[in-house]
Amino acid sequence: MPCTSYAPGHSVHYIQAGLTARRPGEIKQIHVLGYEGNWLIYEMDGAVHRVWNHDPEVVREFHDRAVAGQSSNTGEIALYFTSVKLLRIGRGGWTVDLYGDPDGPSECHITDHPPLNYI
């Protein structure tokens, strides 16, 4: 069963993702430097940041798309939404959201029923 936690470092809740449009706060461009397993490393405002996420595949996909956008003219820019502490890369309807935790690993929550699909 998949992790059902919406805590930092875990899944992005649909309300959290929606708030990026309704209450984005300050939106900052980030420059992705690399990744190591579950850790994404990026630069923002002249400082290097590391955030952990429970899904290494999401971290890798975010990294790969951000690096491709940084090195070509794809139109994809990696952003940080301060109000919801969410990283996003994408253009049009195909985005990757990453809810990172700078404090590192935390336990996944597993339930015996599948998560609800709100789409």
PDB file of N, CA and C in Angstrom:
ATOM      1  N   MET A   1       0.843  -1.188   0.000  1.00  0.00           N
ATOM      2  CA  MET A   1       0.000   0.000   0.000  1.00  0.00           C
ATOM      3  C   MET A   1       0.887   1.250   0.000  1.00  0.00           C
ATOM      4  N   PRO A   2       0.436   2.272  -0.686  1.00  0.00           N
ATOM      5  CA  PRO A   2       1.224   3.515  -0.744  1.00  0.00           C
ATOM      6  C   PRO A   2       1.095   4.341   0.536  1.00  0.00           C
ATOM      7  N   CYS A   3       2.042   5.229   0.712  1.00  0.00           N
ATOM      8  CA  CYS A   3       2.024   6.157   1.845  1.00  0.00           C
ATOM      9  C   CYS A   3       0.837   7.107   1.692  1.00  0.00           C
ATOM     10  N   THR A   4       0.141   7.361   2.788  1.00  0.00           N
ATOM     11  CA  THR A   4      -1.015   8.263   2.760  1.00  0.00           C
ATOM     12  C   THR A   4      -0.764   9.538   3.559  1.00  0.00           C
ATOM     13  N   SER A   5       0.474   9.807   3.914  1.00  0.00           N
ATOM     14  CA  SER A   5       0.801  10.992   4.706  1.00  0.00           C
ATOM     15  C   SER A   5       0.899  12.229   3.820  1.00  0.00           C
ATOM     16  N   TYR A   6       0.400  13.348   4.343  1.00  0.00           N
ATOM     17  CA  TYR A   6       0.529  14.649   3.681  1.00  0.00           C
ATOM     18  C   TYR A   6       1.455  15.563   4.474  1.00  0.00           C
ATOM     19  N   ALA A   7       2.248  14.985   5.351  1.00  0.00           N
ATOM     20  CA  ALA A   7       3.223  15.754   6.134  1.00  0.00           C
ATOM     21  C   ALA A   7       4.363  16.189   5.215  1.00  0.00           C
ATOM     22  N   PRO A   8       5.147  17.189   5.631  1.00  0.00           N
ATOM     23  CA  PRO A   8       6.306  17.572   4.814  1.00  0.00           C
ATOM     24  C   PRO A   8       7.171  16.354   4.492  1.00  0.00           C
ATOM     25  N   GLY A   9       7.587  16.275   3.232  1.00  0.00           N
ATOM     26  CA  GLY A   9       8.394  15.152   2.794  1.00  0.00           C
ATOM     27  C   GLY A   9       7.583  13.997   2.244  1.00  0.00           C
ATOM     28  N   HIS A  10       6.272  14.168   2.188  1.00  0.00           N
ATOM     29  CA  HIS A  10       5.409  13.088   1.712  1.00  0.00           C
ATOM     30  C   HIS A  10       4.539  13.588   0.561  1.00  0.00           C
ATOM     31  N   SER A  11       3.336  13.094   0.454  1.00  0.00           N
ATOM     32  CA  SER A  11       2.473  13.417  -0.678  1.00  0.00           C
ATOM     33  C   SER A  11       1.949  14.845  -0.616  1.00  0.00           C
ATOM     34  N   VAL A  12       1.663  15.386  -1.795  1.00  0.00           N
ATOM     35  CA  VAL A  12       1.058  16.711  -1.902  1.00  0.00           C
ATOM     36  C   VAL A  12      -0.454  16.538  -1.856  1.00  0.00           C
ATOM     37  N   HIS A  13      -1.117  17.231  -0.937  1.00  0.00           N
ATOM     38  CA  HIS A  13      -2.573  17.183  -0.848  1.00  0.00           C
ATOM     39  C   HIS A  13      -3.168  18.057  -1.944  1.00  0.00           C
ATOM     40  N   TYR A  14      -4.329  17.659  -2.476  1.00  0.00           N
ATOM     41  CA  TYR A  14      -4.940  18.417  -3.568  1.00  0.00           C
ATOM     42  C   TYR A  14      -5.274  19.848  -3.153  1.00  0.00           C
ATOM     43  N   ILE A  15      -5.606  20.087  -1.894  1.00  0.00           N
ATOM     44  CA  ILE A  15      -5.877  21.459  -1.436  1.00  0.00           C
ATOM     45  C   ILE A  15      -4.583  22.266  -1.445  1.00  0.00           C
ATOM     46  N   GLN A  16      -3.508  21.674  -0.976  1.00  0.00           N
ATOM     47  CA  GLN A  16      -2.204  22.343  -0.985  1.00  0.00           C
ATOM     48  C   GLN A  16      -1.809  22.713  -2.413  1.00  0.00           C
ATOM     49  N   ALA A  17      -1.972  21.797  -3.342  1.00  0.00           N
ATOM     50  CA  ALA A  17      -1.632  22.073  -4.743  1.00  0.00           C
ATOM     51  C   ALA A  17      -2.513  23.186  -5.297  1.00  0.00           C
ATOM     52  N   GLY A  18      -3.800  23.180  -4.962  1.00  0.00           N
ATOM     53  CA  GLY A  18      -4.715  24.212  -5.444  1.00  0.00           C
ATOM     54  C   GLY A  18      -4.405  25.589  -4.898  1.00  0.00           C
ATOM     55  N   LEU A  19      -3.873  25.649  -3.694  1.00  0.00           N
ATOM     56  CA  LEU A  19      -3.539  26.946  -3.098  1.00  0.00           C
ATOM     57  C   LEU A  19      -2.404  27.651  -3.833  1.00  0.00           C
ATOM     58  N   THR A  20      -1.646  26.929  -4.645  1.00  0.00           N
ATOM     59  CA  THR A  20      -0.595  27.593  -5.420  1.00  0.00           C
ATOM     60  C   THR A  20      -1.196  28.583  -6.404  1.00  0.00           C
ATOM     61  N   ALA A  21      -2.428  28.369  -6.812  1.00  0.00           N
ATOM     62  CA  ALA A  21      -3.107  29.306  -7.719  1.00  0.00           C
ATOM     63  C   ALA A  21      -3.884  30.361  -6.943  1.00  0.00           C
ATOM     64  N   ARG A  22      -4.531  29.961  -5.850  1.00  0.00           N
ATOM     65  CA  ARG A  22      -5.393  30.892  -5.109  1.00  0.00           C
ATOM     66  C   ARG A  22      -4.637  31.763  -4.117  1.00  0.00           C
ATOM     67  N   ARG A  23      -3.619  31.222  -3.475  1.00  0.00           N
ATOM     68  CA  ARG A  23      -2.812  31.959  -2.494  1.00  0.00           C
ATOM     69  C   ARG A  23      -1.349  31.565  -2.631  1.00  0.00           C
ATOM     70  N   PRO A  24      -0.713  31.964  -3.716  1.00  0.00           N
ATOM     71  CA  PRO A  24       0.647  31.484  -3.955  1.00  0.00           C
ATOM     72  C   PRO A  24       1.708  32.080  -3.041  1.00  0.00           C
ATOM     73  N   GLY A  25       1.402  33.220  -2.389  1.00  0.00           N
ATOM     74  CA  GLY A  25       2.452  33.888  -1.623  1.00  0.00           C
ATOM     75  C   GLY A  25       3.528  34.345  -2.583  1.00  0.00           C
ATOM     76  N   GLU A  26       4.737  34.445  -2.096  1.00  0.00           N
ATOM     77  CA  GLU A  26       5.840  34.796  -2.978  1.00  0.00           C
ATOM     78  C   GLU A  26       6.244  33.548  -3.766  1.00  0.00           C
ATOM     79  N   ILE A  27       6.457  33.718  -5.052  1.00  0.00           N
ATOM     80  CA  ILE A  27       6.888  32.615  -5.910  1.00  0.00           C
ATOM     81  C   ILE A  27       8.333  32.884  -6.292  1.00  0.00           C
ATOM     82  N   LYS A  28       9.197  31.939  -5.951  1.00  0.00           N
ATOM     83  CA  LYS A  28      10.627  32.124  -6.200  1.00  0.00           C
ATOM     84  C   LYS A  28      11.118  31.086  -7.201  1.00  0.00           C
ATOM     85  N   GLN A  29      11.959  31.522  -8.117  1.00  0.00           N
ATOM     86  CA  GLN A  29      12.593  30.591  -9.035  1.00  0.00           C
ATOM     87  C   GLN A  29      13.758  29.921  -8.321  1.00  0.00           C
ATOM     88  N   ILE A  30      13.896  28.616  -8.539  1.00  0.00           N
ATOM     89  CA  ILE A  30      15.005  27.877  -7.950  1.00  0.00           C
ATOM     90  C   ILE A  30      15.894  27.327  -9.063  1.00  0.00           C
ATOM     91  N   HIS A  31      17.113  27.015  -8.704  1.00  0.00           N
ATOM     92  CA  HIS A  31      18.067  26.394  -9.628  1.00  0.00           C
ATOM     93  C   HIS A  31      18.449  25.043  -9.027  1.00  0.00           C
ATOM     94  N   VAL A  32      18.020  23.971  -9.664  1.00  0.00           N
ATOM     95  CA  VAL A  32      18.284  22.627  -9.147  1.00  0.00           C
ATOM     96  C   VAL A  32      19.736  22.255  -9.424  1.00  0.00           C
ATOM     97  N   LEU A  33      20.418  21.822  -8.376  1.00  0.00           N
ATOM     98  CA  LEU A  33      21.838  21.475  -8.461  1.00  0.00           C
ATOM     99  C   LEU A  33      22.078  19.977  -8.592  1.00  0.00           C
ATOM    100  N   GLY A  34      21.201  19.169  -7.999  1.00  0.00           N
ATOM    101  CA  GLY A  34      21.392  17.727  -8.061  1.00  0.00           C
ATOM    102  C   GLY A  34      20.421  17.006  -7.146  1.00  0.00           C
ATOM    103  N   TYR A  35      20.583  15.695  -7.073  1.00  0.00           N
ATOM    104  CA  TYR A  35      19.802  14.895  -6.131  1.00  0.00           C
ATOM    105  C   TYR A  35      20.622  13.694  -5.708  1.00  0.00           C
ATOM    106  N   GLU A  36      20.309  13.191  -4.526  1.00  0.00           N
ATOM    107  CA  GLU A  36      20.950  11.999  -3.969  1.00  0.00           C
ATOM    108  C   GLU A  36      19.860  11.146  -3.356  1.00  0.00           C
ATOM    109  N   GLY A  37      19.347  10.185  -4.114  1.00  0.00           N
ATOM    110  CA  GLY A  37      18.277   9.328  -3.609  1.00  0.00           C
ATOM    111  C   GLY A  37      17.021  10.122  -3.335  1.00  0.00           C
ATOM    112  N   ASN A  38      16.680  10.242  -2.059  1.00  0.00           N
ATOM    113  CA  ASN A  38      15.465  10.953  -1.648  1.00  0.00           C
ATOM    114  C   ASN A  38      15.692  12.439  -1.409  1.00  0.00           C
ATOM    115  N   TRP A  39      16.893  12.939  -1.625  1.00  0.00           N
ATOM    116  CA  TRP A  39      17.231  14.337  -1.348  1.00  0.00           C
ATOM    117  C   TRP A  39      17.369  15.135  -2.637  1.00  0.00           C
ATOM    118  N   LEU A  40      16.717  16.292  -2.700  1.00  0.00           N
ATOM    119  CA  LEU A  40      16.873  17.233  -3.803  1.00  0.00           C
ATOM    120  C   LEU A  40      17.702  18.403  -3.293  1.00  0.00           C
ATOM    121  N   ILE A  41      18.672  18.826  -4.089  1.00  0.00           N
ATOM    122  CA  ILE A  41      19.539  19.947  -3.710  1.00  0.00           C
ATOM    123  C   ILE A  41      19.298  21.065  -4.715  1.00  0.00           C
ATOM    124  N   TYR A  42      19.008  22.267  -4.201  1.00  0.00           N
ATOM    125  CA  TYR A  42      18.751  23.396  -5.091  1.00  0.00           C
ATOM    126  C   TYR A  42      19.257  24.687  -4.464  1.00  0.00           C
ATOM    127  N   GLU A  43      19.401  25.702  -5.322  1.00  0.00           N
ATOM    128  CA  GLU A  43      19.821  27.033  -4.884  1.00  0.00           C
ATOM    129  C   GLU A  43      18.633  27.971  -5.021  1.00  0.00           C
ATOM    130  N   MET A  44      18.447  28.789  -3.987  1.00  0.00           N
ATOM    131  CA  MET A  44      17.393  29.801  -4.000  1.00  0.00           C
ATOM    132  C   MET A  44      17.882  30.986  -3.182  1.00  0.00           C
ATOM    133  N   ASP A  45      17.764  32.162  -3.734  1.00  0.00           N
ATOM    134  CA  ASP A  45      18.172  33.394  -3.045  1.00  0.00           C
ATOM    135  C   ASP A  45      19.626  33.345  -2.580  1.00  0.00           C
ATOM    136  N   GLY A  46      20.488  32.702  -3.357  1.00  0.00           N
ATOM    137  CA  GLY A  46      21.908  32.665  -3.035  1.00  0.00           C
ATOM    138  C   GLY A  46      22.313  31.635  -1.996  1.00  0.00           C
ATOM    139  N   ALA A  47      21.359  30.834  -1.515  1.00  0.00           N
ATOM    140  CA  ALA A  47      21.665  29.806  -0.516  1.00  0.00           C
ATOM    141  C   ALA A  47      21.332  28.426  -1.084  1.00  0.00           C
ATOM    142  N   VAL A  48      22.092  27.420  -0.660  1.00  0.00           N
ATOM    143  CA  VAL A  48      21.842  26.041  -1.075  1.00  0.00           C
ATOM    144  C   VAL A  48      20.904  25.391  -0.063  1.00  0.00           C
ATOM    145  N   HIS A  49      19.892  24.693  -0.580  1.00  0.00           N
ATOM    146  CA  HIS A  49      18.891  24.015   0.251  1.00  0.00           C
ATOM    147  C   HIS A  49      18.862  22.539  -0.117  1.00  0.00           C
ATOM    148  N   ARG A  50      18.559  21.706   0.874  1.00  0.00           N
ATOM    149  CA  ARG A  50      18.352  20.267   0.680  1.00  0.00           C
ATOM    150  C   ARG A  50      17.019  19.910   1.291  1.00  0.00           C
ATOM    151  N   VAL A  51      16.196  19.196   0.517  1.00  0.00           N
ATOM    152  CA  VAL A  51      14.922  18.719   1.046  1.00  0.00           C
ATOM    153  C   VAL A  51      14.778  17.236   0.736  1.00  0.00           C
ATOM    154  N   TRP A  52      14.114  16.539   1.649  1.00  0.00           N
ATOM    155  CA  TRP A  52      13.897  15.097   1.548  1.00  0.00           C
ATOM    156  C   TRP A  52      12.449  14.840   1.149  1.00  0.00           C
ATOM    157  N   ASN A  53      12.238  13.806   0.324  1.00  0.00           N
ATOM    158  CA  ASN A  53      10.888  13.341   0.011  1.00  0.00           C
ATOM    159  C   ASN A  53      10.894  11.823   0.020  1.00  0.00           C
ATOM    160  N   HIS A  54       9.793  11.249   0.490  1.00  0.00           N
ATOM    161  CA  HIS A  54       9.704   9.793   0.664  1.00  0.00           C
ATOM    162  C   HIS A  54       9.761   9.013  -0.648  1.00  0.00           C
ATOM    163  N   ASP A  55       9.524   9.676  -1.774  1.00  0.00           N
ATOM    164  CA  ASP A  55       9.469   8.986  -3.060  1.00  0.00           C
ATOM    165  C   ASP A  55      10.669   9.372  -3.930  1.00  0.00           C
ATOM    166  N   PRO A  56      11.691   8.526  -3.997  1.00  0.00           N
ATOM    167  CA  PRO A  56      12.878   8.877  -4.775  1.00  0.00           C
ATOM    168  C   PRO A  56      12.593   9.044  -6.265  1.00  0.00           C
ATOM    169  N   GLU A  57      11.545   8.399  -6.779  1.00  0.00           N
ATOM    170  CA  GLU A  57      11.199   8.557  -8.195  1.00  0.00           C
ATOM    171  C   GLU A  57      10.671   9.960  -8.480  1.00  0.00           C
ATOM    172  N   VAL A  58       9.902  10.526  -7.562  1.00  0.00           N
ATOM    173  CA  VAL A  58       9.416  11.902  -7.732  1.00  0.00           C
ATOM    174  C   VAL A  58      10.588  12.872  -7.647  1.00  0.00           C
ATOM    175  N   VAL A  59      11.507  12.621  -6.726  1.00  0.00           N
ATOM    176  CA  VAL A  59      12.699  13.470  -6.603  1.00  0.00           C
ATOM    177  C   VAL A  59      13.500  13.424  -7.904  1.00  0.00           C
ATOM    178  N   ARG A  60      13.706  12.225  -8.445  1.00  0.00           N
ATOM    179  CA  ARG A  60      14.458  12.074  -9.690  1.00  0.00           C
ATOM    180  C   ARG A  60      13.752  12.763 -10.851  1.00  0.00           C
ATOM    181  N   GLU A  61      12.435  12.569 -10.973  1.00  0.00           N
ATOM    182  CA  GLU A  61      11.687  13.200 -12.068  1.00  0.00           C
ATOM    183  C   GLU A  61      11.740  14.723 -11.962  1.00  0.00           C
ATOM    184  N   PHE A  62      11.556  15.249 -10.739  1.00  0.00           N
ATOM    185  CA  PHE A  62      11.636  16.697 -10.545  1.00  0.00           C
ATOM    186  C   PHE A  62      13.019  17.190 -10.965  1.00  0.00           C
ATOM    187  N   HIS A  63      14.054  16.522 -10.492  1.00  0.00           N
ATOM    188  CA  HIS A  63      15.432  16.887 -10.834  1.00  0.00           C
ATOM    189  C   HIS A  63      15.646  16.876 -12.346  1.00  0.00           C
ATOM    190  N   ASP A  64      15.283  15.777 -12.993  1.00  0.00           N
ATOM    191  CA  ASP A  64      15.549  15.627 -14.420  1.00  0.00           C
ATOM    192  C   ASP A  64      14.833  16.698 -15.241  1.00  0.00           C
ATOM    193  N   ARG A  65      13.586  16.981 -14.918  1.00  0.00           N
ATOM    194  CA  ARG A  65      12.850  18.003 -15.667  1.00  0.00           C
ATOM    195  C   ARG A  65      13.403  19.390 -15.393  1.00  0.00           C
ATOM    196  N   ALA A  66      13.788  19.658 -14.154  1.00  0.00           N
ATOM    197  CA  ALA A  66      14.343  20.977 -13.823  1.00  0.00           C
ATOM    198  C   ALA A  66      15.673  21.195 -14.533  1.00  0.00           C
ATOM    199  N   VAL A  67      16.535  20.193 -14.513  1.00  0.00           N
ATOM    200  CA  VAL A  67      17.837  20.320 -15.169  1.00  0.00           C
ATOM    201  C   VAL A  67      17.654  20.486 -16.679  1.00  0.00           C
ATOM    202  N   ALA A  68      16.722  19.748 -17.270  1.00  0.00           N
ATOM    203  CA  ALA A  68      16.447  19.899 -18.703  1.00  0.00           C
ATOM    204  C   ALA A  68      15.955  21.314 -19.004  1.00  0.00           C
ATOM    205  N   GLY A  69      15.099  21.846 -18.153  1.00  0.00           N
ATOM    206  CA  GLY A  69      14.599  23.204 -18.343  1.00  0.00           C
ATOM    207  C   GLY A  69      15.671  24.262 -18.181  1.00  0.00           C
ATOM    208  N   GLN A  70      16.627  23.994 -17.315  1.00  0.00           N
ATOM    209  CA  GLN A  70      17.721  24.938 -17.078  1.00  0.00           C
ATOM    210  C   GLN A  70      18.719  24.946 -18.231  1.00  0.00           C
ATOM    211  N   SER A  71      18.816  23.837 -18.957  1.00  0.00           N
ATOM    212  CA  SER A  71      19.837  23.733 -20.000  1.00  0.00           C
ATOM    213  C   SER A  71      19.282  23.855 -21.415  1.00  0.00           C
ATOM    214  N   SER A  72      17.972  24.042 -21.549  1.00  0.00           N
ATOM    215  CA  SER A  72      17.382  24.177 -22.878  1.00  0.00           C
ATOM    216  C   SER A  72      16.237  25.177 -22.814  1.00  0.00           C
ATOM    217  N   ASN A  73      15.568  25.329 -23.908  1.00  0.00           N
ATOM    218  CA  ASN A  73      14.473  26.288 -23.991  1.00  0.00           C
ATOM    219  C   ASN A  73      13.130  25.565 -23.939  1.00  0.00           C
ATOM    220  N   THR A  74      12.912  24.739 -22.921  1.00  0.00           N
ATOM    221  CA  THR A  74      11.667  23.979 -22.814  1.00  0.00           C
ATOM    222  C   THR A  74      10.524  24.808 -22.254  1.00  0.00           C
ATOM    223  N   GLY A  75      10.837  25.919 -21.615  1.00  0.00           N
ATOM    224  CA  GLY A  75       9.802  26.729 -20.981  1.00  0.00           C
ATOM    225  C   GLY A  75       9.466  26.279 -19.577  1.00  0.00           C
ATOM    226  N   GLU A  76      10.084  25.196 -19.119  1.00  0.00           N
ATOM    227  CA  GLU A  76       9.831  24.718 -17.763  1.00  0.00           C
ATOM    228  C   GLU A  76      10.781  25.413 -16.796  1.00  0.00           C
ATOM    229  N   ILE A  77      10.208  25.994 -15.760  1.00  0.00           N
ATOM    230  CA  ILE A  77      10.987  26.688 -14.738  1.00  0.00           C
ATOM    231  C   ILE A  77      10.614  26.087 -13.390  1.00  0.00           C
ATOM    232  N   ALA A  78      11.599  25.749 -12.591  1.00  0.00           N
ATOM    233  CA  ALA A  78      11.354  25.212 -11.250  1.00  0.00           C
ATOM    234  C   ALA A  78      11.055  26.373 -10.310  1.00  0.00           C
ATOM    235  N   LEU A  79       9.952  26.238  -9.560  1.00  0.00           N
ATOM    236  CA  LEU A  79       9.480  27.308  -8.686  1.00  0.00           C
ATOM    237  C   LEU A  79       9.261  26.804  -7.268  1.00  0.00           C
ATOM    238  N   TYR A  80       9.338  27.736  -6.312  1.00  0.00           N
ATOM    239  CA  TYR A  80       9.023  27.466  -4.906  1.00  0.00           C
ATOM    240  C   TYR A  80       7.901  28.409  -4.493  1.00  0.00           C
ATOM    241  N   PHE A  81       6.792  27.861  -4.017  1.00  0.00           N
ATOM    242  CA  PHE A  81       5.641  28.631  -3.546  1.00  0.00           C
ATOM    243  C   PHE A  81       5.746  28.763  -2.031  1.00  0.00           C
ATOM    244  N   THR A  82       6.038  29.978  -1.571  1.00  0.00           N
ATOM    245  CA  THR A  82       6.331  30.180  -0.153  1.00  0.00           C
ATOM    246  C   THR A  82       5.134  29.905   0.749  1.00  0.00           C
ATOM    247  N   SER A  83       3.917  30.181   0.273  1.00  0.00           N
ATOM    248  CA  SER A  83       2.747  30.040   1.146  1.00  0.00           C
ATOM    249  C   SER A  83       2.460  28.590   1.518  1.00  0.00           C
ATOM    250  N   VAL A  84       2.775  27.662   0.628  1.00  0.00           N
ATOM    251  CA  VAL A  84       2.480  26.250   0.883  1.00  0.00           C
ATOM    252  C   VAL A  84       3.738  25.376   0.891  1.00  0.00           C
ATOM    253  N   LYS A  85       4.906  26.019   0.796  1.00  0.00           N
ATOM    254  CA  LYS A  85       6.201  25.316   0.858  1.00  0.00           C
ATOM    255  C   LYS A  85       6.284  24.176  -0.151  1.00  0.00           C
ATOM    256  N   LEU A  86       5.877  24.492  -1.379  1.00  0.00           N
ATOM    257  CA  LEU A  86       5.787  23.489  -2.424  1.00  0.00           C
ATOM    258  C   LEU A  86       6.707  23.844  -3.583  1.00  0.00           C
ATOM    259  N   LEU A  87       7.430  22.846  -4.070  1.00  0.00           N
ATOM    260  CA  LEU A  87       8.250  22.996  -5.273  1.00  0.00           C
ATOM    261  C   LEU A  87       7.447  22.483  -6.462  1.00  0.00           C
ATOM    262  N   ARG A  88       7.529  23.195  -7.597  1.00  0.00           N
ATOM    263  CA  ARG A  88       6.779  22.781  -8.787  1.00  0.00           C
ATOM    264  C   ARG A  88       7.622  23.016 -10.033  1.00  0.00           C
ATOM    265  N   ILE A  89       7.563  22.053 -10.919  1.00  0.00           N
ATOM    266  CA  ILE A  89       8.154  22.190 -12.250  1.00  0.00           C
ATOM    267  C   ILE A  89       7.078  21.766 -13.236  1.00  0.00           C
ATOM    268  N   GLY A  90       6.941  22.507 -14.313  1.00  0.00           N
ATOM    269  CA  GLY A  90       5.979  22.097 -15.318  1.00  0.00           C
ATOM    270  C   GLY A  90       5.545  23.225 -16.203  1.00  0.00           C
ATOM    271  N   ARG A  91       4.848  22.819 -17.224  1.00  0.00           N
ATOM    272  CA  ARG A  91       4.306  23.769 -18.176  1.00  0.00           C
ATOM    273  C   ARG A  91       3.006  23.180 -18.681  1.00  0.00           C
ATOM    274  N   GLY A  92       1.971  24.008 -18.725  1.00  0.00           N
ATOM    275  CA  GLY A  92       0.681  23.496 -19.152  1.00  0.00           C
ATOM    276  C   GLY A  92       0.100  22.585 -18.091  1.00  0.00           C
ATOM    277  N   GLY A  93      -0.491  21.490 -18.504  1.00  0.00           N
ATOM    278  CA  GLY A  93      -1.152  20.594 -17.565  1.00  0.00           C
ATOM    279  C   GLY A  93      -0.275  19.512 -16.980  1.00  0.00           C
ATOM    280  N   TRP A  94       0.995  19.434 -17.368  1.00  0.00           N
ATOM    281  CA  TRP A  94       1.857  18.359 -16.898  1.00  0.00           C
ATOM    282  C   TRP A  94       2.882  18.916 -15.922  1.00  0.00           C
ATOM    283  N   THR A  95       2.595  18.823 -14.633  1.00  0.00           N
ATOM    284  CA  THR A  95       3.499  19.357 -13.620  1.00  0.00           C
ATOM    285  C   THR A  95       3.941  18.254 -12.665  1.00  0.00           C
ATOM    286  N   VAL A  96       5.051  18.499 -12.006  1.00  0.00           N
ATOM    287  CA  VAL A  96       5.509  17.644 -10.915  1.00  0.00           C
ATOM    288  C   VAL A  96       5.621  18.536  -9.692  1.00  0.00           C
ATOM    289  N   ASP A  97       4.880  18.199  -8.649  1.00  0.00           N
ATOM    290  CA  ASP A  97       4.949  18.911  -7.377  1.00  0.00           C
ATOM    291  C   ASP A  97       5.772  18.083  -6.404  1.00  0.00           C
ATOM    292  N   LEU A  98       6.567  18.760  -5.611  1.00  0.00           N
ATOM    293  CA  LEU A  98       7.410  18.090  -4.624  1.00  0.00           C
ATOM    294  C   LEU A  98       7.261  18.820  -3.297  1.00  0.00           C
ATOM    295  N   TYR A  99       6.833  18.090  -2.276  1.00  0.00           N
ATOM    296  CA  TYR A  99       6.696  18.636  -0.930  1.00  0.00           C
ATOM    297  C   TYR A  99       7.883  18.109  -0.138  1.00  0.00           C
ATOM    298  N   GLY A 100       8.922  18.907  -0.066  1.00  0.00           N
ATOM    299  CA  GLY A 100      10.153  18.479   0.577  1.00  0.00           C
ATOM    300  C   GLY A 100      10.207  18.829   2.051  1.00  0.00           C
ATOM    301  N   ASP A 101      11.002  18.082   2.779  1.00  0.00           N
ATOM    302  CA  ASP A 101      11.210  18.327   4.202  1.00  0.00           C
ATOM    303  C   ASP A 101      12.699  18.548   4.456  1.00  0.00           C
ATOM    304  N   PRO A 102      13.082  19.774   4.839  1.00  0.00           N
ATOM    305  CA  PRO A 102      14.500  20.032   5.091  1.00  0.00           C
ATOM    306  C   PRO A 102      15.040  19.286   6.309  1.00  0.00           C
ATOM    307  N   ASP A 103      14.147  18.810   7.172  1.00  0.00           N
ATOM    308  CA  ASP A 103      14.570  18.103   8.379  1.00  0.00           C
ATOM    309  C   ASP A 103      14.869  16.629   8.132  1.00  0.00           C
ATOM    310  N   GLY A 104      14.573  16.146   6.942  1.00  0.00           N
ATOM    311  CA  GLY A 104      14.932  14.782   6.609  1.00  0.00           C
ATOM    312  C   GLY A 104      13.826  13.775   6.792  1.00  0.00           C
ATOM    313  N   PRO A 105      14.189  12.495   6.777  1.00  0.00           N
ATOM    314  CA  PRO A 105      13.221  11.414   6.736  1.00  0.00           C
ATOM    315  C   PRO A 105      12.238  11.404   7.902  1.00  0.00           C
ATOM    316  N   SER A 106      11.014  11.034   7.556  1.00  0.00           N
ATOM    317  CA  SER A 106       9.971  10.766   8.546  1.00  0.00           C
ATOM    318  C   SER A 106       9.169   9.576   8.039  1.00  0.00           C
ATOM    319  N   GLU A 107       8.492   8.918   8.961  1.00  0.00           N
ATOM    320  CA  GLU A 107       7.784   7.685   8.626  1.00  0.00           C
ATOM    321  C   GLU A 107       6.616   7.924   7.691  1.00  0.00           C
ATOM    322  N   CYS A 108       6.440   6.983   6.774  1.00  0.00           N
ATOM    323  CA  CYS A 108       5.243   6.972   5.945  1.00  0.00           C
ATOM    324  C   CYS A 108       4.085   6.419   6.772  1.00  0.00           C
ATOM    325  N   HIS A 109       2.886   6.862   6.448  1.00  0.00           N
ATOM    326  CA  HIS A 109       1.678   6.339   7.083  1.00  0.00           C
ATOM    327  C   HIS A 109       0.989   5.441   6.067  1.00  0.00           C
ATOM    328  N   ILE A 110       0.765   4.221   6.465  1.00  0.00           N
ATOM    329  CA  ILE A 110       0.147   3.241   5.582  1.00  0.00           C
ATOM    330  C   ILE A 110      -1.194   2.847   6.186  1.00  0.00           C
ATOM    331  N   THR A 111      -2.240   2.908   5.363  1.00  0.00           N
ATOM    332  CA  THR A 111      -3.558   2.461   5.816  1.00  0.00           C
ATOM    333  C   THR A 111      -3.922   1.201   5.049  1.00  0.00           C
ATOM    334  N   ASP A 112      -4.916   0.486   5.553  1.00  0.00           N
ATOM    335  CA  ASP A 112      -5.305  -0.753   4.890  1.00  0.00           C
ATOM    336  C   ASP A 112      -6.337  -0.518   3.793  1.00  0.00           C
ATOM    337  N   HIS A 113      -6.579   0.738   3.452  1.00  0.00           N
ATOM    338  CA  HIS A 113      -7.472   1.031   2.332  1.00  0.00           C
ATOM    339  C   HIS A 113      -6.779   2.013   1.396  1.00  0.00           C
ATOM    340  N   PRO A 114      -7.099   1.957   0.119  1.00  0.00           N
ATOM    341  CA  PRO A 114      -6.432   2.860  -0.824  1.00  0.00           C
ATOM    342  C   PRO A 114      -6.841   4.306  -0.580  1.00  0.00           C
ATOM    343  N   PRO A 115      -5.959   5.268  -0.899  1.00  0.00           N
ATOM    344  CA  PRO A 115      -6.313   6.674  -0.732  1.00  0.00           C
ATOM    345  C   PRO A 115      -7.433   7.063  -1.686  1.00  0.00           C
ATOM    346  N   LEU A 116      -8.217   8.057  -1.294  1.00  0.00           N
ATOM    347  CA  LEU A 116      -9.302   8.543  -2.139  1.00  0.00           C
ATOM    348  C   LEU A 116      -8.729   9.280  -3.336  1.00  0.00           C
ATOM    349  N   ASN A 117      -9.387   9.138  -4.458  1.00  0.00           N
ATOM    350  CA  ASN A 117      -8.971   9.838  -5.670  1.00  0.00           C
ATOM    351  C   ASN A 117      -9.872  11.054  -5.836  1.00  0.00           C
ATOM    352  N   TYR A 118      -9.297  12.251  -5.715  1.00  0.00           N
ATOM    353  CA  TYR A 118     -10.072  13.482  -5.781  1.00  0.00           C
ATOM    354  C   TYR A 118     -10.079  14.108  -7.164  1.00  0.00           C
ATOM    355  N   ILE A 119      -9.530  13.432  -8.127  1.00  0.00           N
ATOM    356  CA  ILE A 119      -9.462  14.018  -9.473  1.00  0.00           C
ATOM    357  C   ILE A 119     -10.705  13.681 -10.244  1.00  0.00           C
TER     358      ILE A 119
END
